[in-house]
Protein backbone atom coordinates (compact mmCIF):
# COMPACT_ATOMS: atom_id res chain seq x y z
CA MET A 1 -7.77 6.39 11.61
CA LYS A 2 -9.26 7.26 14.97
CA LEU A 3 -10.29 4.55 17.41
CA GLY A 4 -13.75 6.08 17.71
CA SER A 5 -14.35 6.04 13.97
CA LEU A 6 -17.18 4.14 12.30
CA ARG A 7 -14.71 1.59 10.94
CA TRP A 8 -13.39 0.69 14.39
CA ARG A 9 -16.90 0.58 15.83
CA LEU A 10 -17.98 -1.87 13.12
CA ILE A 11 -14.83 -3.93 13.63
CA GLY A 12 -15.40 -3.85 17.39
CA VAL A 13 -19.01 -5.01 17.15
CA SER A 14 -18.27 -7.70 14.55
CA GLY A 15 -15.15 -8.81 16.40
CA SER A 16 -17.01 -8.99 19.71
CA LEU A 17 -19.71 -11.15 18.16
CA ALA A 18 -17.04 -13.38 16.62
CA LEU A 19 -15.25 -13.62 19.98
CA ILE A 20 -18.47 -14.56 21.79
CA ALA A 21 -19.21 -17.17 19.12
CA ALA A 22 -15.67 -18.56 19.39
CA LEU A 23 -15.89 -18.81 23.18
CA ALA A 24 -19.25 -20.54 22.89
CA VAL A 25 -17.84 -23.01 20.35
CA VAL A 26 -14.79 -23.73 22.52
CA ALA A 27 -16.99 -24.28 25.58
CA MET A 28 -19.30 -26.56 23.60
CA LEU A 29 -16.36 -28.51 22.20
CA GLU A 30 -14.82 -28.90 25.64
CA ARG A 31 -18.09 -30.18 27.06
CA ARG A 32 -18.59 -32.53 24.14
CA VAL A 33 -15.04 -33.90 24.33
CA SER A 34 -15.36 -34.29 28.10
CA GLU A 35 -18.65 -36.16 27.85
CA GLN A 36 -17.45 -38.30 24.95
CA SER A 37 -14.22 -39.20 26.72
CA LEU A 38 -16.09 -39.98 29.94
CA ALA A 39 -18.53 -42.17 28.00
CA GLU A 40 -15.60 -44.08 26.50
CA ILE A 41 -14.18 -44.66 29.97
CA ALA A 42 -17.57 -45.88 31.19
CA GLU A 43 -17.74 -48.24 28.23
CA THR A 44 -14.27 -49.54 29.08
CA LEU A 45 -15.38 -50.13 32.68
CA GLU A 46 -18.34 -52.10 31.37
CA GLU A 47 -16.04 -54.27 29.25
CA GLU A 48 -13.75 -54.82 32.21
CA GLY A 49 -16.76 -55.80 34.29
CA ASP A 50 -17.83 -58.31 31.64
CA GLU A 51 -14.37 -59.90 31.77
CA VAL A 52 -14.55 -60.23 35.54
CA VAL A 53 -18.05 -61.77 35.36
CA ALA A 54 -16.90 -64.22 32.69
CA PHE A 55 -13.95 -65.21 34.83
CA LEU A 56 -16.11 -65.75 37.90
CA GLU A 57 -18.54 -67.91 35.90
CA ASP A 58 -15.69 -70.39 35.21
CA PRO A 59 -15.56 -72.71 38.26
CA ASP A 60 -12.11 -73.99 37.41
CA LEU A 61 -10.55 -70.51 37.54
CA ALA A 62 -12.47 -68.97 40.40
CA PRO A 63 -9.92 -69.81 43.09
CA ALA A 64 -7.30 -67.84 41.15
CA VAL A 65 -9.35 -64.62 41.12
CA ASP A 66 -6.65 -62.67 42.98
CA ASP A 67 -4.12 -63.60 40.33
CA PHE A 68 -6.55 -62.55 37.63
CA LEU A 69 -7.10 -59.14 39.20
CA ARG A 70 -3.39 -58.64 39.62
CA ILE A 71 -2.87 -59.36 35.92
CA GLU A 72 -5.69 -57.02 34.94
CA THR A 73 -4.31 -54.06 36.89
CA SER A 74 -0.71 -54.57 35.77
CA HIS A 75 -1.40 -54.84 32.04
CA ARG A 76 1.11 -52.55 30.34
CA PHE A 77 -1.28 -51.49 27.56
CA LYS A 78 -3.79 -49.95 29.96
CA PRO A 79 -3.30 -46.15 29.95
CA ARG A 80 -5.11 -45.57 33.24
CA LEU A 81 -4.93 -46.77 36.83
CA TYR A 82 -7.68 -49.29 37.70
CA PHE A 83 -8.91 -50.67 41.03
CA TYR A 84 -11.00 -53.85 41.37
CA LYS A 85 -13.11 -55.05 44.29
CA ILE A 86 -15.39 -58.11 44.44
CA ARG A 87 -17.74 -57.80 47.37
CA GLY A 88 -20.67 -59.57 48.83
CA ILE A 89 -24.12 -58.08 49.09
CA ASP A 90 -23.30 -57.27 52.71
CA GLY A 91 -20.26 -55.23 51.62
CA ARG A 92 -17.66 -57.75 52.71
CA THR A 93 -14.69 -57.86 50.31
CA HIS A 94 -14.04 -61.28 48.72
CA ALA A 95 -11.19 -60.23 46.46
CA GLN A 96 -9.47 -57.04 45.35
CA SER A 97 -6.64 -55.90 43.15
CA ALA A 98 -3.26 -54.74 44.37
CA GLY A 99 -3.45 -51.21 45.72
CA ALA A 100 -7.20 -51.37 46.22
CA GLN A 101 -6.77 -51.97 49.95
CA SER A 102 -6.13 -48.24 50.48
CA VAL A 103 -9.05 -47.21 48.29
CA THR A 104 -12.48 -46.70 49.77
CA LEU A 105 -15.27 -47.51 47.34
CA PRO A 106 -18.75 -46.88 48.76
CA LEU A 107 -21.55 -49.32 48.12
CA PRO A 108 -24.20 -47.89 45.80
CA THR A 109 -27.39 -46.62 47.37
CA ARG A 110 -29.21 -46.51 44.09
CA TRP A 111 -29.12 -49.01 41.25
CA ASN A 112 -30.05 -48.61 37.59
CA HIS A 113 -30.75 -51.03 34.77
CA SER A 114 -28.50 -50.77 31.74
CA THR A 115 -29.61 -51.33 28.16
CA ARG A 116 -28.36 -54.89 28.49
CA GLY A 117 -30.47 -55.51 31.58
CA GLN A 118 -27.56 -55.25 34.00
CA VAL A 119 -28.04 -53.81 37.47
CA VAL A 120 -25.36 -51.16 37.68
CA SER A 121 -24.36 -47.92 39.33
CA LEU A 122 -21.95 -45.31 37.93
CA GLU A 123 -20.70 -42.48 40.11
CA THR A 124 -17.70 -40.21 40.67
CA VAL A 125 -15.99 -40.44 44.04
CA SER A 126 -13.68 -37.65 45.17
CA ASN A 127 -12.52 -38.83 48.60
CA ALA A 128 -11.55 -42.41 47.94
CA GLY A 129 -8.07 -42.37 49.47
CA VAL A 130 -6.18 -41.31 46.31
CA ASP A 131 -5.20 -37.88 45.01
CA GLU A 132 -7.40 -37.94 41.93
CA PRO A 133 -11.16 -38.53 41.78
CA LEU A 134 -12.35 -41.96 40.67
CA LEU A 135 -15.07 -43.04 38.33
CA VAL A 136 -16.62 -46.12 39.99
CA ARG A 137 -18.79 -48.68 38.20
CA SER A 138 -20.60 -51.12 40.44
CA GLU A 139 -22.47 -54.11 39.01
CA ARG A 140 -24.65 -56.53 40.94
CA VAL A 141 -24.44 -60.04 39.49
CA GLU A 142 -25.28 -63.62 40.43
CA VAL A 143 -22.57 -66.18 39.83
CA LYS A 144 -22.34 -69.94 40.37
CA VAL A 145 -20.23 -71.22 43.18
CA ARG A 146 -18.61 -74.72 43.39
CA ASP A 147 -21.51 -76.48 44.98
CA GLY A 148 -23.77 -75.28 42.18
CA GLU A 149 -25.46 -72.59 44.16
CA ARG A 150 -25.62 -68.98 42.97
CA GLU A 151 -24.32 -66.07 44.98
CA THR A 152 -25.03 -62.35 44.56
CA LEU A 153 -21.84 -60.33 44.26
CA ILE A 154 -21.03 -56.68 43.68
CA ILE A 155 -18.20 -56.10 41.22
CA GLN A 156 -16.68 -52.66 41.58
CA ILE A 157 -14.19 -51.30 39.07
CA ALA A 158 -12.76 -47.81 39.59
CA VAL A 159 -10.51 -45.81 37.31
CA SER A 160 -8.50 -42.71 38.14
CA LEU A 161 -9.72 -39.59 36.28
CA GLY A 162 -6.36 -37.80 36.49
CA SER A 163 -5.24 -38.83 33.01
CA TRP A 164 -8.75 -38.10 31.71
CA ARG A 165 -8.56 -34.58 33.05
CA THR A 166 -5.12 -34.14 31.47
CA GLU A 167 -6.46 -35.33 28.12
CA VAL A 168 -9.44 -33.00 28.34
CA ARG A 169 -7.18 -30.09 29.30
CA LYS A 170 -4.85 -30.77 26.37
CA GLN A 171 -7.78 -31.00 24.00
CA PHE A 172 -9.16 -27.74 25.40
CA ILE A 173 -5.82 -25.99 24.84
CA THR A 174 -5.69 -27.35 21.29
CA ASP A 175 -9.24 -26.19 20.59
CA ALA A 176 -8.56 -22.79 22.18
CA LEU A 177 -5.42 -22.23 20.10
CA THR A 178 -7.22 -23.33 16.96
CA SER A 179 -10.12 -21.01 17.76
CA ALA A 180 -7.71 -18.16 18.48
CA ALA A 181 -6.06 -18.64 15.09
CA ILE A 182 -9.45 -18.77 13.38
CA LEU A 183 -10.55 -15.71 15.36
CA ALA A 184 -7.43 -13.78 14.32
CA ALA A 185 -8.12 -14.69 10.70
CA MET A 186 -11.73 -13.58 11.15
CA PHE A 187 -10.58 -10.25 12.61
CA LEU A 188 -8.38 -9.68 9.57
CA LEU A 189 -11.23 -10.64 7.29
CA ILE A 190 -13.62 -8.33 9.15
CA TRP A 191 -11.10 -5.49 8.94
CA PHE A 192 -10.61 -6.06 5.21
CA VAL A 193 -14.33 -6.35 4.46
CA THR A 194 -15.10 -3.28 6.59
CA ALA A 195 -12.35 -1.29 4.89
CA MET A 196 -13.62 -2.30 1.46
CA SER A 197 -17.21 -1.53 2.43
CA LEU A 198 -16.31 1.91 3.80
CA ARG A 199 -14.04 2.85 0.90
CA PRO A 200 -16.92 4.51 -1.00
CA VAL A 201 -17.77 6.44 2.18
CA ALA A 202 -14.17 7.66 2.38
CA ALA A 203 -14.33 8.71 -1.28
CA ILE A 204 -17.55 10.63 -0.64
CA THR A 205 -15.96 12.28 2.41
CA ARG A 206 -12.87 13.36 0.44
CA GLN A 207 -14.94 14.72 -2.43
CA ALA A 208 -17.32 16.56 -0.10
CA ALA A 209 -14.38 18.08 1.81
CA HIS A 210 -12.84 19.22 -1.48
CA ILE A 211 -15.95 21.11 -2.56
CA GLY A 212 -15.93 24.74 -1.47
CA ALA A 213 -17.14 28.14 -2.51
CA ARG A 214 -14.85 28.17 -5.57
CA ASN A 215 -15.93 24.80 -6.95
CA LEU A 216 -19.56 24.45 -5.98
CA ASP A 217 -20.25 23.05 -9.44
CA ASP A 218 -18.35 19.87 -8.57
CA ARG A 219 -20.46 16.93 -7.52
CA ILE A 220 -19.99 13.64 -5.71
CA PRO A 221 -19.81 10.76 -8.22
CA ILE A 222 -22.57 8.16 -8.11
CA ALA A 223 -21.36 4.57 -8.48
CA GLY A 224 -24.63 3.33 -9.96
CA ALA A 225 -24.97 0.45 -7.50
CA ALA A 226 -28.41 1.69 -6.42
CA ASP A 227 -27.47 1.19 -2.77
CA GLU A 228 -27.54 3.39 0.33
CA LEU A 229 -24.27 5.09 -0.63
CA ASP A 230 -25.73 6.16 -3.96
CA GLU A 231 -28.72 7.57 -2.10
CA LEU A 232 -26.36 9.47 0.21
CA ALA A 233 -24.44 10.86 -2.77
CA LYS A 234 -27.68 11.96 -4.43
CA VAL A 235 -28.86 13.72 -1.26
CA LEU A 236 -25.52 15.50 -0.86
CA ASN A 237 -25.51 16.54 -4.52
CA ALA A 238 -29.03 17.90 -4.17
CA MET A 239 -27.91 19.85 -1.11
CA LEU A 240 -24.95 21.24 -3.07
CA ASP A 241 -27.33 22.26 -5.86
CA ARG A 242 -29.45 24.20 -3.40
CA LEU A 243 -26.39 25.73 -1.75
CA ALA A 244 -24.89 26.79 -5.08
CA ASP A 245 -28.20 28.29 -6.16
CA SER A 246 -28.50 30.16 -2.86
CA MET A 247 -24.97 31.55 -3.12
CA ARG A 248 -25.54 32.52 -6.73
CA ARG A 249 -28.72 34.36 -5.84
CA THR A 250 -26.97 36.12 -2.95
CA ALA A 251 -24.08 37.21 -5.18
CA GLU A 252 -26.48 38.35 -7.88
CA PHE A 253 -28.51 40.31 -5.35
CA SER A 254 -25.41 42.04 -3.95
CA ALA A 255 -24.17 42.87 -7.43
CA ASP A 256 -27.60 44.14 -8.51
CA VAL A 257 -27.92 46.33 -5.42
CA ALA A 258 -24.45 47.77 -5.95
CA HIS A 259 -25.16 48.34 -9.62
CA GLN A 260 -28.46 50.10 -8.90
CA LEU A 261 -26.95 52.32 -6.20
CA ARG A 262 -24.02 53.63 -8.21
CA PRO A 263 -25.95 55.96 -10.59
CA PRO A 264 -27.90 57.82 -7.86
CA LEU A 265 -24.75 58.14 -5.77
CA THR A 266 -22.94 59.57 -8.76
CA ARG A 267 -25.73 62.11 -9.27
CA VAL A 268 -25.68 63.06 -5.59
CA ARG A 269 -21.93 63.54 -5.78
CA ALA A 270 -22.30 65.75 -8.85
CA ARG A 271 -24.92 67.94 -7.18
CA LEU A 272 -22.77 68.32 -4.09
CA ASP A 273 -19.88 69.43 -6.29
CA LEU A 274 -22.14 72.02 -7.92
CA LEU A 275 -23.18 73.31 -4.51
CA LEU A 276 -19.55 73.63 -3.44
CA ARG A 277 -18.79 75.72 -6.54
CA GLY A 278 -21.47 78.25 -5.65
CA GLU A 279 -21.68 80.84 -2.94
CA ILE A 280 -22.67 79.07 0.27
CA PRO A 281 -22.15 79.96 3.92
CA ALA A 282 -18.97 78.65 5.48
CA SER A 283 -20.99 76.83 8.13
CA LEU A 284 -22.62 74.69 5.42
CA ARG A 285 -19.53 74.14 3.31
CA GLY A 286 -17.95 71.84 5.88
CA GLU A 287 -21.15 69.81 6.18
CA ILE A 288 -21.45 69.48 2.41
CA GLU A 289 -17.81 68.39 2.09
CA ALA A 290 -18.30 65.76 4.81
CA LEU A 291 -21.43 64.58 3.02
CA GLY A 292 -19.46 64.35 -0.21
CA GLU A 293 -16.84 62.17 1.48
CA GLU A 294 -19.56 59.81 2.70
CA VAL A 295 -20.96 59.62 -0.82
CA VAL A 296 -17.50 58.76 -2.13
CA ARG A 297 -17.17 56.05 0.51
CA LEU A 298 -20.56 54.61 -0.42
CA SER A 299 -19.62 54.68 -4.09
CA ARG A 300 -16.41 52.81 -3.31
CA LEU A 301 -18.39 50.30 -1.24
CA CYS A 302 -20.78 49.73 -4.14
CA GLY A 303 -17.83 49.22 -6.46
CA HIS A 304 -16.34 46.66 -4.09
CA LEU A 305 -19.67 44.86 -3.75
CA LEU A 306 -20.05 44.75 -7.51
CA LEU A 307 -16.52 43.43 -7.97
CA LEU A 308 -16.91 40.80 -5.24
CA GLY A 309 -20.21 39.65 -6.71
CA ARG A 310 -18.71 39.32 -10.18
CA LEU A 311 -15.76 37.36 -8.82
CA GLU A 312 -18.04 34.95 -6.99
CA LEU A 313 -20.26 34.51 -10.04
CA ARG A 314 -17.65 34.36 -12.79
CA GLY A 315 -14.31 33.85 -11.03
CA GLY A 316 -11.85 31.70 -12.95
CA GLU A 317 -13.51 32.17 -16.35
CA ALA A 318 -10.98 32.04 -19.15
CA HIS A 319 -11.69 35.51 -20.55
CA LEU A 320 -10.90 37.07 -17.16
CA LEU A 321 -7.40 35.57 -17.02
CA GLY A 322 -6.09 36.00 -20.53
CA GLU A 323 -3.09 38.25 -19.89
CA ARG A 324 0.51 37.49 -19.08
CA ILE A 325 1.42 39.93 -16.32
CA ASP A 326 4.68 40.73 -14.55
CA LEU A 327 3.95 41.30 -10.86
CA LYS A 328 7.21 43.22 -10.58
CA GLU A 329 5.90 45.93 -12.92
CA VAL A 330 2.54 46.10 -11.12
CA ALA A 331 4.22 46.45 -7.73
CA GLU A 332 6.66 49.15 -8.87
CA GLU A 333 3.87 51.15 -10.49
CA LEU A 334 1.56 51.07 -7.46
CA VAL A 335 4.32 51.81 -4.95
CA GLU A 336 5.18 54.90 -6.94
CA GLN A 337 1.51 55.99 -7.04
CA CYS A 338 0.81 55.35 -3.36
CA SER A 339 4.04 56.73 -1.90
CA PRO A 340 2.70 60.33 -1.61
CA MET A 341 -0.37 59.12 0.29
CA ALA A 342 1.82 57.12 2.67
CA HIS A 343 4.22 60.04 3.09
CA GLU A 344 1.34 62.32 4.13
CA ARG A 345 0.64 59.93 7.00
CA GLY A 346 4.25 59.75 8.09
CA LEU A 347 4.85 56.30 6.62
CA ALA A 348 7.63 54.94 4.44
CA LEU A 349 6.36 52.83 1.53
CA LYS A 350 9.23 50.81 0.09
CA ILE A 351 9.67 48.04 -2.41
CA GLY A 352 12.25 45.38 -1.79
CA ALA A 353 14.41 44.37 -4.77
CA PRO A 354 11.68 42.66 -6.79
CA VAL A 355 12.41 39.94 -9.30
CA PRO A 356 10.40 39.30 -12.47
CA ALA A 357 7.41 37.13 -11.59
CA HIS A 358 4.99 36.39 -14.38
CA VAL A 359 1.44 35.16 -13.84
CA ARG A 360 -1.53 34.51 -16.08
CA GLY A 361 -4.37 36.74 -15.01
CA ASN A 362 -6.27 40.00 -15.16
CA ARG A 363 -4.22 43.15 -14.61
CA VAL A 364 -7.16 45.18 -13.27
CA LEU A 365 -7.89 42.55 -10.63
CA LEU A 366 -4.24 42.23 -9.61
CA VAL A 367 -3.96 46.01 -9.26
CA GLU A 368 -7.10 46.03 -7.12
CA ALA A 369 -5.69 43.29 -4.87
CA LEU A 370 -2.39 45.10 -4.30
CA LEU A 371 -4.16 48.44 -3.73
CA SER A 372 -6.39 46.82 -1.11
CA LEU A 373 -3.36 45.39 0.71
CA ILE A 374 -1.48 48.70 0.62
CA ASP A 375 -4.58 50.59 1.80
CA ASN A 376 -5.02 48.12 4.66
CA ALA A 377 -1.36 48.51 5.67
CA VAL A 378 -1.55 52.32 5.54
CA ARG A 379 -4.59 52.38 7.81
CA TRP A 380 -3.05 50.09 10.45
CA THR A 381 0.58 51.24 10.53
CA PRO A 382 1.43 54.00 13.05
CA SER A 383 3.28 57.17 12.00
CA GLY A 384 6.97 56.55 11.55
CA GLY A 385 6.31 52.98 10.47
CA THR A 386 7.33 51.20 7.30
CA ILE A 387 5.36 49.33 4.65
CA ARG A 388 7.34 47.02 2.41
CA VAL A 389 6.08 45.55 -0.87
CA SER A 390 8.02 42.66 -2.40
CA VAL A 391 7.76 40.28 -5.33
CA ASP A 392 9.43 36.89 -5.55
CA SER A 393 9.26 33.74 -7.65
CA ASN A 394 10.73 30.26 -7.46
CA GLY A 395 9.68 29.19 -10.94
CA ARG A 396 6.58 27.34 -9.71
CA GLU A 397 4.91 30.09 -7.69
CA ALA A 398 4.94 33.87 -7.80
CA VAL A 399 4.54 35.68 -4.48
CA LEU A 400 3.30 39.24 -3.99
CA SER A 401 3.62 40.37 -0.37
CA VAL A 402 2.86 43.48 1.67
CA ALA A 403 4.37 43.73 5.16
CA ASP A 404 3.73 46.49 7.69
CA SER A 405 5.04 47.44 11.12
CA GLY A 406 1.61 47.83 12.70
CA PRO A 407 0.20 46.20 15.84
CA GLY A 408 -0.23 42.80 14.21
CA ILE A 409 -3.36 40.69 14.05
CA PRO A 410 -4.51 38.50 16.97
CA GLU A 411 -4.62 34.81 16.18
CA ALA A 412 -8.37 34.67 16.81
CA GLU A 413 -8.93 37.31 14.11
CA ARG A 414 -6.69 35.91 11.37
CA GLU A 415 -9.39 34.00 9.55
CA ARG A 416 -12.31 36.27 10.31
CA ILE A 417 -10.68 39.35 8.73
CA PHE A 418 -11.19 37.73 5.31
CA GLN A 419 -14.96 37.55 5.80
CA PRO A 420 -17.00 40.20 3.97
CA PHE A 421 -17.93 43.24 6.12
CA TYR A 422 -15.83 42.06 9.06
CA ARG A 423 -13.80 44.88 10.58
CA MET A 424 -11.39 44.75 13.47
CA GLY A 425 -11.87 47.28 16.24
CA GLU A 426 -10.32 50.67 15.60
CA THR A 427 -7.21 51.59 17.56
CA ALA A 428 -5.15 54.71 18.00
CA VAL A 429 -2.90 53.75 15.10
CA THR A 430 -5.60 53.93 12.40
CA HIS A 431 -5.18 57.01 10.21
CA THR A 432 -8.64 56.91 8.66
CA SER A 433 -12.05 55.61 9.51
CA ALA A 434 -12.62 51.90 9.28
CA GLY A 435 -12.81 50.53 5.77
CA SER A 436 -15.73 48.86 4.10
CA GLY A 437 -14.77 45.45 5.41
CA LEU A 438 -14.53 44.09 1.86
CA GLY A 439 -10.89 44.76 0.99
CA LEU A 440 -9.36 41.53 2.27
CA ALA A 441 -12.35 39.51 1.10
CA ILE A 442 -11.74 40.89 -2.39
CA VAL A 443 -8.02 40.10 -2.14
CA ARG A 444 -8.80 36.46 -1.29
CA ALA A 445 -11.43 36.24 -4.05
CA ILE A 446 -8.96 37.64 -6.61
CA ALA A 447 -6.28 35.20 -5.45
CA ARG A 448 -8.65 32.24 -5.78
CA THR A 449 -9.82 33.47 -9.17
CA HIS A 450 -6.19 33.21 -10.29
CA GLY A 451 -5.79 29.76 -8.74
CA GLY A 452 -3.79 31.14 -5.82
CA ARG A 453 -4.14 31.69 -2.11
CA VAL A 454 -3.54 34.31 0.59
CA GLU A 455 -1.20 33.62 3.50
CA LEU A 456 -0.98 35.72 6.65
CA LEU A 457 2.12 35.94 8.82
CA SER A 458 1.66 37.98 11.96
CA SER A 459 2.60 38.19 15.61
CA ALA A 460 1.29 40.55 18.26
CA GLY A 461 3.14 43.89 18.23
CA ARG A 462 5.33 42.96 15.25
CA GLY A 463 3.16 43.84 12.30
CA ALA A 464 1.58 41.66 9.67
CA GLU A 465 2.59 40.31 6.28
CA PHE A 466 0.05 39.32 3.64
CA ARG A 467 1.45 37.00 0.97
CA VAL A 468 -0.59 36.40 -2.19
CA VAL A 469 0.72 33.26 -3.87
CA PHE A 470 -0.07 32.65 -7.58
CA PRO A 471 0.87 29.84 -9.95
CA ALA A 472 3.86 31.15 -11.90
CA PHE A 473 3.57 31.64 -15.66
CA PRO A 474 6.68 30.37 -17.49
CA ALA A 475 8.86 33.15 -18.88
CA ASP A 476 9.49 33.32 -22.62
């Protein structure tokens, strides 16, 4: 599966959206956890402040405030580092906890009223004399002193945010790993759902690729889901219907033209023969003989067109392939018939030790295929060359091959030579004029009619070998 395929594009788009959503969720969770944790710390600071205020309100304990602060900061169940300062409205420090001497806590410049009516200030201080930033809660309160008067004090409680940051970081890592696991599962789910969704598309692609000129009657199955894929299958089937109809009309037209041309060509040939039997000037005899050869060539072309049209229209029909034929006998017979023609052109036509190879087919068509291959080899093999016909079988396939010692076929031409009316450029090695351009097309059509194929083995300057491979027919 290619990376640029539709499946990967769908997975990429869906996965990207899932990744963006996961990142957004992780960021939202981190912010929520951070805010919630910070709110809990602020609530703890408020509770600590209430304890300090309650202690200061007790006149019997007020002189021992330093001891109280020392106990508060050294409590072993407190997970964070706290600093306490009790200051006057002028900023003078009345009492402070151990370690708070080195900590600078600024006096608030702006006060707020809490939901409980307290006058408080909550701020984060970065440069307070310690490595970690501090969250400082300042509360302005009035407390009774010993003589019964009330004094305004500022109670400042600060807590180090180092452990808070560590907790938030750990929670972020946990959330990120959880999201990554969920994202991986989502990717697998997206891949599976995409693969299942595109499976009908793959089936349509395979079926469409399988349909060719020999099986244009095949159609893409419709699942009946009444979805877009069914609509696509219907459109493709309609296109195949039009294509099959067009090819059928073309084949019928070619066959009809060939059929209509054969009678007048036969009559022209007969009249030319009558003229040649009479007394005519020598200067005209050569012209009439050349004209007769052209008529013969046209008649052969019409015959090939008619045969090709019939193969395209009715190829593979049961009544065409009802015989059990030994390719060995066909090859031996045709080599014997064509040897004189090859000898006249200075060629050696040989047959290599053939083995019995039975196929189910039509003898006339098989003879036509082998004749076309031999004729092609004779035209392209230079004088002194060799043409070798061979027959082989491995029990599953029967192979009929014709190899020549001609100039070979360029790689760019190896598929095009099977197209109707395509002819390679003439060279000095050709013994006759170019053929009709239908011989190899007929060979391929006959092979396909018999459920076989044509293979071409060739290299420049080393000749060519055409191998017609048929399904073997079991011997008796």
